[in-house]
Amino acid sequence: MTVVPARTLLWISFISTPLLWLLHFLLAYLITEGSCSAAGENTGIFGASSLTLLYLLTFVFVLASVFFTFLAFRTSKQAQKTAPSYDDFLPKLGFTCGLLFSFVVLLEFIPLAILGAC
């Protein structure tokens, strides 16, 4: 089992959740656009409706975002044991960004869930 350096965990915990949100936004747009552009019908992809795919996509991305937020929280707890430095600031910022972007992924999905994919 390889051990990831602490500095790498700091950057992963900081950058991961905004990237997950961006990827979720792009995939949700592509799924919605692809399934609704076929004669204006909700045809779906891979045999499932587009709304079902969006539910699964959102669930997976929120779980991943919560995981990276937890990773930032654990890194923040480890950084508190040492002297204050930027190594202490980055995990706290990563934790805050993780909470924010987990919430943003959920908020982005609400209109799709209420109004439908098309």
PDB file of N, CA and C in Angstrom:
ATOM      1  N   MET A   1       0.846  -1.174   0.000  1.00  0.00           N
ATOM      2  CA  MET A   1       0.000   0.000   0.000  1.00  0.00           C
ATOM      3  C   MET A   1       0.890   1.235   0.000  1.00  0.00           C
ATOM      4  N   THR A   2       0.650   2.124  -0.932  1.00  0.00           N
ATOM      5  CA  THR A   2       1.458   3.332  -0.998  1.00  0.00           C
ATOM      6  C   THR A   2       0.848   4.420  -0.132  1.00  0.00           C
ATOM      7  N   VAL A   3       1.711   5.223   0.438  1.00  0.00           N
ATOM      8  CA  VAL A   3       1.267   6.327   1.287  1.00  0.00           C
ATOM      9  C   VAL A   3       1.365   7.614   0.481  1.00  0.00           C
ATOM     10  N   VAL A   4       0.273   8.361   0.454  1.00  0.00           N
ATOM     11  CA  VAL A   4       0.247   9.624  -0.272  1.00  0.00           C
ATOM     12  C   VAL A   4       0.852  10.700   0.621  1.00  0.00           C
ATOM     13  N   PRO A   5       1.777  11.510   0.108  1.00  0.00           N
ATOM     14  CA  PRO A   5       2.372  12.571   0.924  1.00  0.00           C
ATOM     15  C   PRO A   5       1.319  13.569   1.403  1.00  0.00           C
ATOM     16  N   ALA A   6       1.570  14.154   2.560  1.00  0.00           N
ATOM     17  CA  ALA A   6       0.602  15.078   3.162  1.00  0.00           C
ATOM     18  C   ALA A   6       0.346  16.284   2.268  1.00  0.00           C
ATOM     19  N   ARG A   7       1.372  16.781   1.623  1.00  0.00           N
ATOM     20  CA  ARG A   7       1.203  17.950   0.755  1.00  0.00           C
ATOM     21  C   ARG A   7       0.284  17.619  -0.419  1.00  0.00           C
ATOM     22  N   THR A   8       0.383  16.420  -0.940  1.00  0.00           N
ATOM     23  CA  THR A   8      -0.495  16.003  -2.036  1.00  0.00           C
ATOM     24  C   THR A   8      -1.934  15.914  -1.553  1.00  0.00           C
ATOM     25  N   LEU A   9      -2.151  15.397  -0.349  1.00  0.00           N
ATOM     26  CA  LEU A   9      -3.505  15.345   0.215  1.00  0.00           C
ATOM     27  C   LEU A   9      -4.084  16.737   0.405  1.00  0.00           C
ATOM     28  N   LEU A  10      -3.239  17.691   0.771  1.00  0.00           N
ATOM     29  CA  LEU A  10      -3.711  19.066   0.929  1.00  0.00           C
ATOM     30  C   LEU A  10      -4.289  19.592  -0.382  1.00  0.00           C
ATOM     31  N   TRP A  11      -3.545  19.398  -1.454  1.00  0.00           N
ATOM     32  CA  TRP A  11      -4.005  19.918  -2.738  1.00  0.00           C
ATOM     33  C   TRP A  11      -5.189  19.127  -3.277  1.00  0.00           C
ATOM     34  N   ILE A  12      -5.200  17.826  -3.058  1.00  0.00           N
ATOM     35  CA  ILE A  12      -6.340  17.021  -3.502  1.00  0.00           C
ATOM     36  C   ILE A  12      -7.604  17.448  -2.769  1.00  0.00           C
ATOM     37  N   SER A  13      -7.502  17.662  -1.465  1.00  0.00           N
ATOM     38  CA  SER A  13      -8.680  18.057  -0.692  1.00  0.00           C
ATOM     39  C   SER A  13      -9.158  19.451  -1.070  1.00  0.00           C
ATOM     40  N   PHE A  14      -8.275  20.286  -1.574  1.00  0.00           N
ATOM     41  CA  PHE A  14      -8.651  21.649  -1.952  1.00  0.00           C
ATOM     42  C   PHE A  14      -9.253  21.712  -3.355  1.00  0.00           C
ATOM     43  N   ILE A  15      -8.696  20.976  -4.300  1.00  0.00           N
ATOM     44  CA  ILE A  15      -9.078  21.097  -5.706  1.00  0.00           C
ATOM     45  C   ILE A  15     -10.199  20.135  -6.106  1.00  0.00           C
ATOM     46  N   SER A  16     -10.369  19.046  -5.401  1.00  0.00           N
ATOM     47  CA  SER A  16     -11.247  17.967  -5.862  1.00  0.00           C
ATOM     48  C   SER A  16     -12.719  18.363  -5.953  1.00  0.00           C
ATOM     49  N   THR A  17     -13.270  19.010  -4.942  1.00  0.00           N
ATOM     50  CA  THR A  17     -14.714  19.270  -4.971  1.00  0.00           C
ATOM     51  C   THR A  17     -15.121  20.296  -6.026  1.00  0.00           C
ATOM     52  N   PRO A  18     -14.362  21.381  -6.261  1.00  0.00           N
ATOM     53  CA  PRO A  18     -14.750  22.237  -7.395  1.00  0.00           C
ATOM     54  C   PRO A  18     -14.668  21.510  -8.737  1.00  0.00           C
ATOM     55  N   LEU A  19     -13.684  20.634  -8.885  1.00  0.00           N
ATOM     56  CA  LEU A  19     -13.589  19.863 -10.127  1.00  0.00           C
ATOM     57  C   LEU A  19     -14.745  18.870 -10.255  1.00  0.00           C
ATOM     58  N   LEU A  20     -15.162  18.277  -9.136  1.00  0.00           N
ATOM     59  CA  LEU A  20     -16.320  17.379  -9.176  1.00  0.00           C
ATOM     60  C   LEU A  20     -17.582  18.137  -9.575  1.00  0.00           C
ATOM     61  N   TRP A  21     -17.749  19.338  -9.039  1.00  0.00           N
ATOM     62  CA  TRP A  21     -18.913  20.138  -9.419  1.00  0.00           C
ATOM     63  C   TRP A  21     -18.882  20.451 -10.912  1.00  0.00           C
ATOM     64  N   LEU A  22     -17.720  20.865 -11.417  1.00  0.00           N
ATOM     65  CA  LEU A  22     -17.597  21.194 -12.832  1.00  0.00           C
ATOM     66  C   LEU A  22     -17.907  19.976 -13.702  1.00  0.00           C
ATOM     67  N   LEU A  23     -17.380  18.834 -13.333  1.00  0.00           N
ATOM     68  CA  LEU A  23     -17.634  17.611 -14.088  1.00  0.00           C
ATOM     69  C   LEU A  23     -19.110  17.225 -14.025  1.00  0.00           C
ATOM     70  N   HIS A  24     -19.731  17.370 -12.861  1.00  0.00           N
ATOM     71  CA  HIS A  24     -21.158  17.074 -12.724  1.00  0.00           C
ATOM     72  C   HIS A  24     -21.983  18.015 -13.591  1.00  0.00           C
ATOM     73  N   PHE A  25     -21.633  19.283 -13.581  1.00  0.00           N
ATOM     74  CA  PHE A  25     -22.357  20.271 -14.381  1.00  0.00           C
ATOM     75  C   PHE A  25     -22.286  19.930 -15.868  1.00  0.00           C
ATOM     76  N   LEU A  26     -21.090  19.604 -16.337  1.00  0.00           N
ATOM     77  CA  LEU A  26     -20.922  19.285 -17.755  1.00  0.00           C
ATOM     78  C   LEU A  26     -21.630  17.989 -18.140  1.00  0.00           C
ATOM     79  N   LEU A  27     -21.510  16.959 -17.302  1.00  0.00           N
ATOM     80  CA  LEU A  27     -22.170  15.686 -17.615  1.00  0.00           C
ATOM     81  C   LEU A  27     -23.693  15.816 -17.566  1.00  0.00           C
ATOM     82  N   ALA A  28     -24.211  16.561 -16.594  1.00  0.00           N
ATOM     83  CA  ALA A  28     -25.659  16.764 -16.515  1.00  0.00           C
ATOM     84  C   ALA A  28     -26.157  17.510 -17.749  1.00  0.00           C
ATOM     85  N   TYR A  29     -25.400  18.494 -18.187  1.00  0.00           N
ATOM     86  CA  TYR A  29     -25.786  19.222 -19.401  1.00  0.00           C
ATOM     87  C   TYR A  29     -25.763  18.302 -20.618  1.00  0.00           C
ATOM     88  N   LEU A  30     -24.709  17.512 -20.755  1.00  0.00           N
ATOM     89  CA  LEU A  30     -24.604  16.624 -21.912  1.00  0.00           C
ATOM     90  C   LEU A  30     -25.704  15.565 -21.923  1.00  0.00           C
ATOM     91  N   ILE A  31     -26.013  15.005 -20.762  1.00  0.00           N
ATOM     92  CA  ILE A  31     -27.081  13.996 -20.689  1.00  0.00           C
ATOM     93  C   ILE A  31     -28.425  14.624 -21.033  1.00  0.00           C
ATOM     94  N   THR A  32     -28.695  15.795 -20.465  1.00  0.00           N
ATOM     95  CA  THR A  32     -29.969  16.460 -20.725  1.00  0.00           C
ATOM     96  C   THR A  32     -30.079  16.878 -22.182  1.00  0.00           C
ATOM     97  N   GLU A  33     -29.034  17.481 -22.696  1.00  0.00           N
ATOM     98  CA  GLU A  33     -29.054  17.929 -24.095  1.00  0.00           C
ATOM     99  C   GLU A  33     -29.153  16.748 -25.054  1.00  0.00           C
ATOM    100  N   GLY A  34     -28.417  15.692 -24.779  1.00  0.00           N
ATOM    101  CA  GLY A  34     -28.435  14.534 -25.666  1.00  0.00           C
ATOM    102  C   GLY A  34     -29.758  13.798 -25.668  1.00  0.00           C
ATOM    103  N   SER A  35     -30.389  13.697 -24.515  1.00  0.00           N
ATOM    104  CA  SER A  35     -31.642  12.942 -24.455  1.00  0.00           C
ATOM    105  C   SER A  35     -32.836  13.771 -24.893  1.00  0.00           C
ATOM    106  N   CYS A  36     -32.771  15.073 -24.768  1.00  0.00           N
ATOM    107  CA  CYS A  36     -33.915  15.916 -25.119  1.00  0.00           C
ATOM    108  C   CYS A  36     -33.856  16.435 -26.552  1.00  0.00           C
ATOM    109  N   SER A  37     -32.710  16.356 -27.184  1.00  0.00           N
ATOM    110  CA  SER A  37     -32.601  16.905 -28.538  1.00  0.00           C
ATOM    111  C   SER A  37     -33.198  15.983 -29.593  1.00  0.00           C
ATOM    112  N   ALA A  38     -33.429  14.741 -29.264  1.00  0.00           N
ATOM    113  CA  ALA A  38     -34.006  13.796 -30.229  1.00  0.00           C
ATOM    114  C   ALA A  38     -35.508  14.039 -30.328  1.00  0.00           C
ATOM    115  N   ALA A  39     -35.887  14.928 -31.218  1.00  0.00           N
ATOM    116  CA  ALA A  39     -37.302  15.251 -31.484  1.00  0.00           C
ATOM    117  C   ALA A  39     -38.022  15.754 -30.241  1.00  0.00           C
ATOM    118  N   GLY A  40     -37.294  16.343 -29.309  1.00  0.00           N
ATOM    119  CA  GLY A  40     -37.915  16.920 -28.126  1.00  0.00           C
ATOM    120  C   GLY A  40     -38.441  15.907 -27.139  1.00  0.00           C
ATOM    121  N   GLU A  41     -38.045  14.668 -27.270  1.00  0.00           N
ATOM    122  CA  GLU A  41     -38.532  13.631 -26.368  1.00  0.00           C
ATOM    123  C   GLU A  41     -37.454  13.270 -25.362  1.00  0.00           C
ATOM    124  N   ASN A  42     -37.877  12.778 -24.224  1.00  0.00           N
ATOM    125  CA  ASN A  42     -36.948  12.315 -23.192  1.00  0.00           C
ATOM    126  C   ASN A  42     -36.603  10.864 -23.498  1.00  0.00           C
ATOM    127  N   THR A  43     -35.717  10.670 -24.460  1.00  0.00           N
ATOM    128  CA  THR A  43     -35.429   9.317 -24.933  1.00  0.00           C
ATOM    129  C   THR A  43     -34.541   8.529 -23.995  1.00  0.00           C
ATOM    130  N   GLY A  44     -33.675   9.183 -23.275  1.00  0.00           N
ATOM    131  CA  GLY A  44     -32.789   8.493 -22.353  1.00  0.00           C
ATOM    132  C   GLY A  44     -31.562   7.935 -23.045  1.00  0.00           C
ATOM    133  N   ILE A  45     -30.653   7.438 -22.238  1.00  0.00           N
ATOM    134  CA  ILE A  45     -29.385   6.908 -22.719  1.00  0.00           C
ATOM    135  C   ILE A  45     -29.155   5.573 -22.026  1.00  0.00           C
ATOM    136  N   PHE A  46     -28.620   4.602 -22.735  1.00  0.00           N
ATOM    137  CA  PHE A  46     -28.302   3.278 -22.188  1.00  0.00           C
ATOM    138  C   PHE A  46     -29.533   2.569 -21.635  1.00  0.00           C
ATOM    139  N   GLY A  47     -30.689   2.812 -22.190  1.00  0.00           N
ATOM    140  CA  GLY A  47     -31.896   2.129 -21.767  1.00  0.00           C
ATOM    141  C   GLY A  47     -32.554   2.703 -20.528  1.00  0.00           C
ATOM    142  N   ALA A  48     -31.990   3.731 -19.936  1.00  0.00           N
ATOM    143  CA  ALA A  48     -32.588   4.365 -18.759  1.00  0.00           C
ATOM    144  C   ALA A  48     -33.002   5.781 -19.136  1.00  0.00           C
ATOM    145  N   SER A  49     -33.991   6.297 -18.444  1.00  0.00           N
ATOM    146  CA  SER A  49     -34.399   7.670 -18.727  1.00  0.00           C
ATOM    147  C   SER A  49     -33.300   8.629 -18.284  1.00  0.00           C
ATOM    148  N   SER A  50     -33.299   9.799 -18.875  1.00  0.00           N
ATOM    149  CA  SER A  50     -32.254  10.770 -18.539  1.00  0.00           C
ATOM    150  C   SER A  50     -32.377  11.224 -17.089  1.00  0.00           C
ATOM    151  N   LEU A  51     -33.586  11.295 -16.571  1.00  0.00           N
ATOM    152  CA  LEU A  51     -33.757  11.707 -15.179  1.00  0.00           C
ATOM    153  C   LEU A  51     -33.176  10.668 -14.225  1.00  0.00           C
ATOM    154  N   THR A  52     -33.333   9.386 -14.540  1.00  0.00           N
ATOM    155  CA  THR A  52     -32.725   8.336 -13.721  1.00  0.00           C
ATOM    156  C   THR A  52     -31.207   8.437 -13.748  1.00  0.00           C
ATOM    157  N   LEU A  53     -30.654   8.680 -14.925  1.00  0.00           N
ATOM    158  CA  LEU A  53     -29.204   8.859 -15.026  1.00  0.00           C
ATOM    159  C   LEU A  53     -28.737  10.077 -14.244  1.00  0.00           C
ATOM    160  N   LEU A  54     -29.521  11.138 -14.260  1.00  0.00           N
ATOM    161  CA  LEU A  54     -29.145  12.340 -13.513  1.00  0.00           C
ATOM    162  C   LEU A  54     -29.227  12.107 -12.007  1.00  0.00           C
ATOM    163  N   TYR A  55     -30.214  11.328 -11.562  1.00  0.00           N
ATOM    164  CA  TYR A  55     -30.281  10.957 -10.144  1.00  0.00           C
ATOM    165  C   TYR A  55     -29.029  10.186  -9.734  1.00  0.00           C
ATOM    166  N   LEU A  56     -28.667   9.190 -10.524  1.00  0.00           N
ATOM    167  CA  LEU A  56     -27.476   8.392 -10.213  1.00  0.00           C
ATOM    168  C   LEU A  56     -26.208   9.229 -10.265  1.00  0.00           C
ATOM    169  N   LEU A  57     -26.100  10.071 -11.266  1.00  0.00           N
ATOM    170  CA  LEU A  57     -24.936  10.938 -11.407  1.00  0.00           C
ATOM    171  C   LEU A  57     -24.798  11.864 -10.204  1.00  0.00           C
ATOM    172  N   THR A  58     -25.889  12.462  -9.791  1.00  0.00           N
ATOM    173  CA  THR A  58     -25.851  13.365  -8.641  1.00  0.00           C
ATOM    174  C   THR A  58     -25.499  12.612  -7.372  1.00  0.00           C
ATOM    175  N   PHE A  59     -26.072  11.435  -7.186  1.00  0.00           N
ATOM    176  CA  PHE A  59     -25.777  10.639  -6.000  1.00  0.00           C
ATOM    177  C   PHE A  59     -24.296  10.288  -5.922  1.00  0.00           C
ATOM    178  N   VAL A  60     -23.725   9.844  -7.036  1.00  0.00           N
ATOM    179  CA  VAL A  60     -22.307   9.467  -7.065  1.00  0.00           C
ATOM    180  C   VAL A  60     -21.421  10.680  -6.805  1.00  0.00           C
ATOM    181  N   PHE A  61     -21.744  11.801  -7.411  1.00  0.00           N
ATOM    182  CA  PHE A  61     -20.908  12.983  -7.244  1.00  0.00           C
ATOM    183  C   PHE A  61     -21.033  13.587  -5.851  1.00  0.00           C
ATOM    184  N   VAL A  62     -22.200  13.515  -5.252  1.00  0.00           N
ATOM    185  CA  VAL A  62     -22.328  14.001  -3.872  1.00  0.00           C
ATOM    186  C   VAL A  62     -21.549  13.096  -2.925  1.00  0.00           C
ATOM    187  N   LEU A  63     -21.613  11.785  -3.134  1.00  0.00           N
ATOM    188  CA  LEU A  63     -20.816  10.876  -2.301  1.00  0.00           C
ATOM    189  C   LEU A  63     -19.323  11.143  -2.454  1.00  0.00           C
ATOM    190  N   ALA A  64     -18.867  11.339  -3.675  1.00  0.00           N
ATOM    191  CA  ALA A  64     -17.449  11.641  -3.896  1.00  0.00           C
ATOM    192  C   ALA A  64     -17.074  12.972  -3.267  1.00  0.00           C
ATOM    193  N   SER A  65     -17.944  13.948  -3.370  1.00  0.00           N
ATOM    194  CA  SER A  65     -17.674  15.257  -2.783  1.00  0.00           C
ATOM    195  C   SER A  65     -17.630  15.180  -1.261  1.00  0.00           C
ATOM    196  N   VAL A  66     -18.517  14.403  -0.675  1.00  0.00           N
ATOM    197  CA  VAL A  66     -18.497  14.219   0.780  1.00  0.00           C
ATOM    198  C   VAL A  66     -17.222  13.490   1.202  1.00  0.00           C
ATOM    199  N   PHE A  67     -16.782  12.522   0.415  1.00  0.00           N
ATOM    200  CA  PHE A  67     -15.536  11.828   0.725  1.00  0.00           C
ATOM    201  C   PHE A  67     -14.355  12.793   0.730  1.00  0.00           C
ATOM    202  N   PHE A  68     -14.255  13.628  -0.289  1.00  0.00           N
ATOM    203  CA  PHE A  68     -13.134  14.571  -0.348  1.00  0.00           C
ATOM    204  C   PHE A  68     -13.251  15.652   0.723  1.00  0.00           C
ATOM    205  N   THR A  69     -14.473  16.001   1.112  1.00  0.00           N
ATOM    206  CA  THR A  69     -14.656  16.934   2.224  1.00  0.00           C
ATOM    207  C   THR A  69     -14.186  16.296   3.523  1.00  0.00           C
ATOM    208  N   PHE A  70     -14.505  15.029   3.713  1.00  0.00           N
ATOM    209  CA  PHE A  70     -14.029  14.306   4.891  1.00  0.00           C
ATOM    210  C   PHE A  70     -12.509  14.203   4.884  1.00  0.00           C
ATOM    211  N   LEU A  71     -11.926  13.977   3.715  1.00  0.00           N
ATOM    212  CA  LEU A  71     -10.471  13.935   3.586  1.00  0.00           C
ATOM    213  C   LEU A  71      -9.856  15.275   3.983  1.00  0.00           C
ATOM    214  N   ALA A  72     -10.470  16.370   3.564  1.00  0.00           N
ATOM    215  CA  ALA A  72      -9.981  17.698   3.944  1.00  0.00           C
ATOM    216  C   ALA A  72     -10.123  17.910   5.447  1.00  0.00           C
ATOM    217  N   PHE A  73     -11.215  17.414   6.026  1.00  0.00           N
ATOM    218  CA  PHE A  73     -11.420  17.554   7.470  1.00  0.00           C
ATOM    219  C   PHE A  73     -10.356  16.787   8.242  1.00  0.00           C
ATOM    220  N   ARG A  74     -10.064  15.564   7.801  1.00  0.00           N
ATOM    221  CA  ARG A  74      -9.020  14.770   8.479  1.00  0.00           C
ATOM    222  C   ARG A  74      -7.654  15.412   8.329  1.00  0.00           C
ATOM    223  N   THR A  75      -7.364  15.940   7.160  1.00  0.00           N
ATOM    224  CA  THR A  75      -6.094  16.622   6.944  1.00  0.00           C
ATOM    225  C   THR A  75      -6.015  17.871   7.800  1.00  0.00           C
ATOM    226  N   SER A  76      -7.143  18.546   7.981  1.00  0.00           N
ATOM    227  CA  SER A  76      -7.189  19.735   8.832  1.00  0.00           C
ATOM    228  C   SER A  76      -6.917  19.369  10.284  1.00  0.00           C
ATOM    229  N   LYS A  77      -7.466  18.268  10.729  1.00  0.00           N
ATOM    230  CA  LYS A  77      -7.225  17.823  12.109  1.00  0.00           C
ATOM    231  C   LYS A  77      -5.757  17.470  12.318  1.00  0.00           C
ATOM    232  N   GLN A  78      -5.130  16.864  11.326  1.00  0.00           N
ATOM    233  CA  GLN A  78      -3.713  16.532  11.443  1.00  0.00           C
ATOM    234  C   GLN A  78      -2.856  17.788  11.406  1.00  0.00           C
ATOM    235  N   ALA A  79      -3.274  18.792  10.643  1.00  0.00           N
ATOM    236  CA  ALA A  79      -2.497  20.023  10.538  1.00  0.00           C
ATOM    237  C   ALA A  79      -2.586  20.851  11.811  1.00  0.00           C
ATOM    238  N   GLN A  80      -3.648  20.688  12.596  1.00  0.00           N
ATOM    239  CA  GLN A  80      -3.791  21.449  13.836  1.00  0.00           C
ATOM    240  C   GLN A  80      -2.774  21.018  14.881  1.00  0.00           C
ATOM    241  N   LYS A  81      -2.211  19.839  14.735  1.00  0.00           N
ATOM    242  CA  LYS A  81      -1.251  19.340  15.713  1.00  0.00           C
ATOM    243  C   LYS A  81       0.117  19.986  15.544  1.00  0.00           C
ATOM    244  N   THR A  82       0.327  20.657  14.420  1.00  0.00           N
ATOM    245  CA  THR A  82       1.614  21.300  14.166  1.00  0.00           C
ATOM    246  C   THR A  82       1.475  22.810  14.296  1.00  0.00           C
ATOM    247  N   ALA A  83       2.570  23.520  14.111  1.00  0.00           N
ATOM    248  CA  ALA A  83       2.547  24.981  14.187  1.00  0.00           C
ATOM    249  C   ALA A  83       1.725  25.549  13.029  1.00  0.00           C
ATOM    250  N   PRO A  84       1.026  26.670  13.246  1.00  0.00           N
ATOM    251  CA  PRO A  84       0.214  27.259  12.177  1.00  0.00           C
ATOM    252  C   PRO A  84       1.070  27.675  10.975  1.00  0.00           C
ATOM    253  N   SER A  85       0.597  27.344   9.814  1.00  0.00           N
ATOM    254  CA  SER A  85       1.272  27.708   8.573  1.00  0.00           C
ATOM    255  C   SER A  85       0.246  27.610   7.452  1.00  0.00           C
ATOM    256  N   TYR A  86       0.704  27.733   6.217  1.00  0.00           N
ATOM    257  CA  TYR A  86      -0.237  27.580   5.113  1.00  0.00           C
ATOM    258  C   TYR A  86      -0.722  26.144   5.020  1.00  0.00           C
ATOM    259  N   ASP A  87       0.026  25.206   5.597  1.00  0.00           N
ATOM    260  CA  ASP A  87      -0.435  23.824   5.630  1.00  0.00           C
ATOM    261  C   ASP A  87      -1.661  23.669   6.521  1.00  0.00           C
ATOM    262  N   ASP A  88      -1.905  24.630   7.388  1.00  0.00           N
ATOM    263  CA  ASP A  88      -3.099  24.617   8.225  1.00  0.00           C
ATOM    264  C   ASP A  88      -4.267  25.311   7.520  1.00  0.00           C
ATOM    265  N   PHE A  89      -3.960  26.295   6.692  1.00  0.00           N
ATOM    266  CA  PHE A  89      -5.002  27.055   6.008  1.00  0.00           C
ATOM    267  C   PHE A  89      -5.644  26.263   4.874  1.00  0.00           C
ATOM    268  N   LEU A  90      -4.844  25.567   4.101  1.00  0.00           N
ATOM    269  CA  LEU A  90      -5.336  24.863   2.922  1.00  0.00           C
ATOM    270  C   LEU A  90      -6.352  23.759   3.248  1.00  0.00           C
ATOM    271  N   PRO A  91      -6.152  22.941   4.288  1.00  0.00           N
ATOM    272  CA  PRO A  91      -7.187  21.942   4.601  1.00  0.00           C
ATOM    273  C   PRO A  91      -8.499  22.570   5.061  1.00  0.00           C
ATOM    274  N   LYS A  92      -8.406  23.670   5.799  1.00  0.00           N
ATOM    275  CA  LYS A  92      -9.644  24.340   6.226  1.00  0.00           C
ATOM    276  C   LYS A  92     -10.376  24.934   5.033  1.00  0.00           C
ATOM    277  N   LEU A  93      -9.626  25.504   4.114  1.00  0.00           N
ATOM    278  CA  LEU A  93     -10.236  26.021   2.897  1.00  0.00           C
ATOM    279  C   LEU A  93     -10.805  24.879   2.055  1.00  0.00           C
ATOM    280  N   GLY A  94     -10.103  23.756   1.992  1.00  0.00           N
ATOM    281  CA  GLY A  94     -10.610  22.593   1.271  1.00  0.00           C
ATOM    282  C   GLY A  94     -11.885  22.049   1.894  1.00  0.00           C
ATOM    283  N   PHE A  95     -11.946  22.050   3.221  1.00  0.00           N
ATOM    284  CA  PHE A  95     -13.154  21.595   3.917  1.00  0.00           C
ATOM    285  C   PHE A  95     -14.326  22.529   3.622  1.00  0.00           C
ATOM    286  N   THR A  96     -14.070  23.830   3.673  1.00  0.00           N
ATOM    287  CA  THR A  96     -15.122  24.804   3.398  1.00  0.00           C
ATOM    288  C   THR A  96     -15.592  24.705   1.948  1.00  0.00           C
ATOM    289  N   CYS A  97     -14.661  24.588   1.023  1.00  0.00           N
ATOM    290  CA  CYS A  97     -15.028  24.413  -0.391  1.00  0.00           C
ATOM    291  C   CYS A  97     -15.789  23.108  -0.594  1.00  0.00           C
ATOM    292  N   GLY A  98     -15.396  22.070   0.127  1.00  0.00           N
ATOM    293  CA  GLY A  98     -16.087  20.794   0.017  1.00  0.00           C
ATOM    294  C   GLY A  98     -17.540  20.889   0.440  1.00  0.00           C
ATOM    295  N   LEU A  99     -17.784  21.574   1.555  1.00  0.00           N
ATOM    296  CA  LEU A  99     -19.166  21.773   1.992  1.00  0.00           C
ATOM    297  C   LEU A  99     -19.950  22.598   0.979  1.00  0.00           C
ATOM    298  N   LEU A 100     -19.327  23.664   0.512  1.00  0.00           N
ATOM    299  CA  LEU A 100     -19.994  24.547  -0.444  1.00  0.00           C
ATOM    300  C   LEU A 100     -20.336  23.817  -1.738  1.00  0.00           C
ATOM    301  N   PHE A 101     -19.381  23.129  -2.327  1.00  0.00           N
ATOM    302  CA  PHE A 101     -19.626  22.505  -3.623  1.00  0.00           C
ATOM    303  C   PHE A 101     -20.479  21.243  -3.513  1.00  0.00           C
ATOM    304  N   SER A 102     -20.491  20.572  -2.368  1.00  0.00           N
ATOM    305  CA  SER A 102     -21.446  19.472  -2.172  1.00  0.00           C
ATOM    306  C   SER A 102     -22.865  20.020  -2.206  1.00  0.00           C
ATOM    307  N   PHE A 103     -23.059  21.156  -1.558  1.00  0.00           N
ATOM    308  CA  PHE A 103     -24.362  21.813  -1.546  1.00  0.00           C
ATOM    309  C   PHE A 103     -24.726  22.322  -2.941  1.00  0.00           C
ATOM    310  N   VAL A 104     -23.752  22.849  -3.669  1.00  0.00           N
ATOM    311  CA  VAL A 104     -24.000  23.369  -5.018  1.00  0.00           C
ATOM    312  C   VAL A 104     -24.420  22.246  -5.967  1.00  0.00           C
ATOM    313  N   VAL A 105     -23.814  21.074  -5.841  1.00  0.00           N
ATOM    314  CA  VAL A 105     -24.209  19.942  -6.692  1.00  0.00           C
ATOM    315  C   VAL A 105     -25.667  19.579  -6.423  1.00  0.00           C
ATOM    316  N   LEU A 106     -26.062  19.588  -5.163  1.00  0.00           N
ATOM    317  CA  LEU A 106     -27.465  19.298  -4.844  1.00  0.00           C
ATOM    318  C   LEU A 106     -28.394  20.394  -5.360  1.00  0.00           C
ATOM    319  N   LEU A 107     -27.996  21.649  -5.192  1.00  0.00           N
ATOM    320  CA  LEU A 107     -28.831  22.752  -5.674  1.00  0.00           C
ATOM    321  C   LEU A 107     -28.959  22.750  -7.193  1.00  0.00           C
ATOM    322  N   GLU A 108     -27.920  22.349  -7.858  1.00  0.00           N
ATOM    323  CA  GLU A 108     -27.945  22.283  -9.315  1.00  0.00           C
ATOM    324  C   GLU A 108     -28.930  21.226  -9.802  1.00  0.00           C
ATOM    325  N   PHE A 109     -29.146  20.206  -9.005  1.00  0.00           N
ATOM    326  CA  PHE A 109     -30.017  19.112  -9.413  1.00  0.00           C
ATOM    327  C   PHE A 109     -31.490  19.397  -9.120  1.00  0.00           C
ATOM    328  N   ILE A 110     -31.792  20.280  -8.196  1.00  0.00           N
ATOM    329  CA  ILE A 110     -33.182  20.522  -7.787  1.00  0.00           C
ATOM    330  C   ILE A 110     -34.084  20.919  -8.958  1.00  0.00           C
ATOM    331  N   PRO A 111     -33.699  21.870  -9.812  1.00  0.00           N
ATOM    332  CA  PRO A 111     -34.594  22.187 -10.939  1.00  0.00           C
ATOM    333  C   PRO A 111     -34.828  21.007 -11.874  1.00  0.00           C
ATOM    334  N   LEU A 112     -33.801  20.194 -12.083  1.00  0.00           N
ATOM    335  CA  LEU A 112     -33.982  19.023 -12.948  1.00  0.00           C
ATOM    336  C   LEU A 112     -34.944  18.022 -12.329  1.00  0.00           C
ATOM    337  N   ALA A 113     -34.873  17.850 -11.019  1.00  0.00           N
ATOM    338  CA  ALA A 113     -35.751  16.888 -10.345  1.00  0.00           C
ATOM    339  C   ALA A 113     -37.200  17.376 -10.331  1.00  0.00           C
ATOM    340  N   ILE A 114     -37.392  18.681 -10.173  1.00  0.00           N
ATOM    341  CA  ILE A 114     -38.756  19.210 -10.083  1.00  0.00           C
ATOM    342  C   ILE A 114     -39.382  19.395 -11.466  1.00  0.00           C
ATOM    343  N   LEU A 115     -38.630  19.997 -12.371  1.00  0.00           N
ATOM    344  CA  LEU A 115     -39.186  20.333 -13.680  1.00  0.00           C
ATOM    345  C   LEU A 115     -39.048  19.222 -14.706  1.00  0.00           C
ATOM    346  N   GLY A 116     -38.189  18.262 -14.447  1.00  0.00           N
ATOM    347  CA  GLY A 116     -37.944  17.204 -15.421  1.00  0.00           C
ATOM    348  C   GLY A 116     -36.740  17.541 -16.273  1.00  0.00           C
ATOM    349  N   ALA A 117     -36.229  16.552 -16.931  1.00  0.00           N
ATOM    350  CA  ALA A 117     -35.000  16.742 -17.704  1.00  0.00           C
ATOM    351  C   ALA A 117     -35.236  17.545 -18.978  1.00  0.00           C
ATOM    352  N   CYS A 118     -36.404  17.432 -19.578  1.00  0.00           N
ATOM    353  CA  CYS A 118     -36.660  18.161 -20.838  1.00  0.00           C
ATOM    354  C   CYS A 118     -37.600  19.324 -20.610  1.00  0.00           C
TER     355      CYS A 118
END
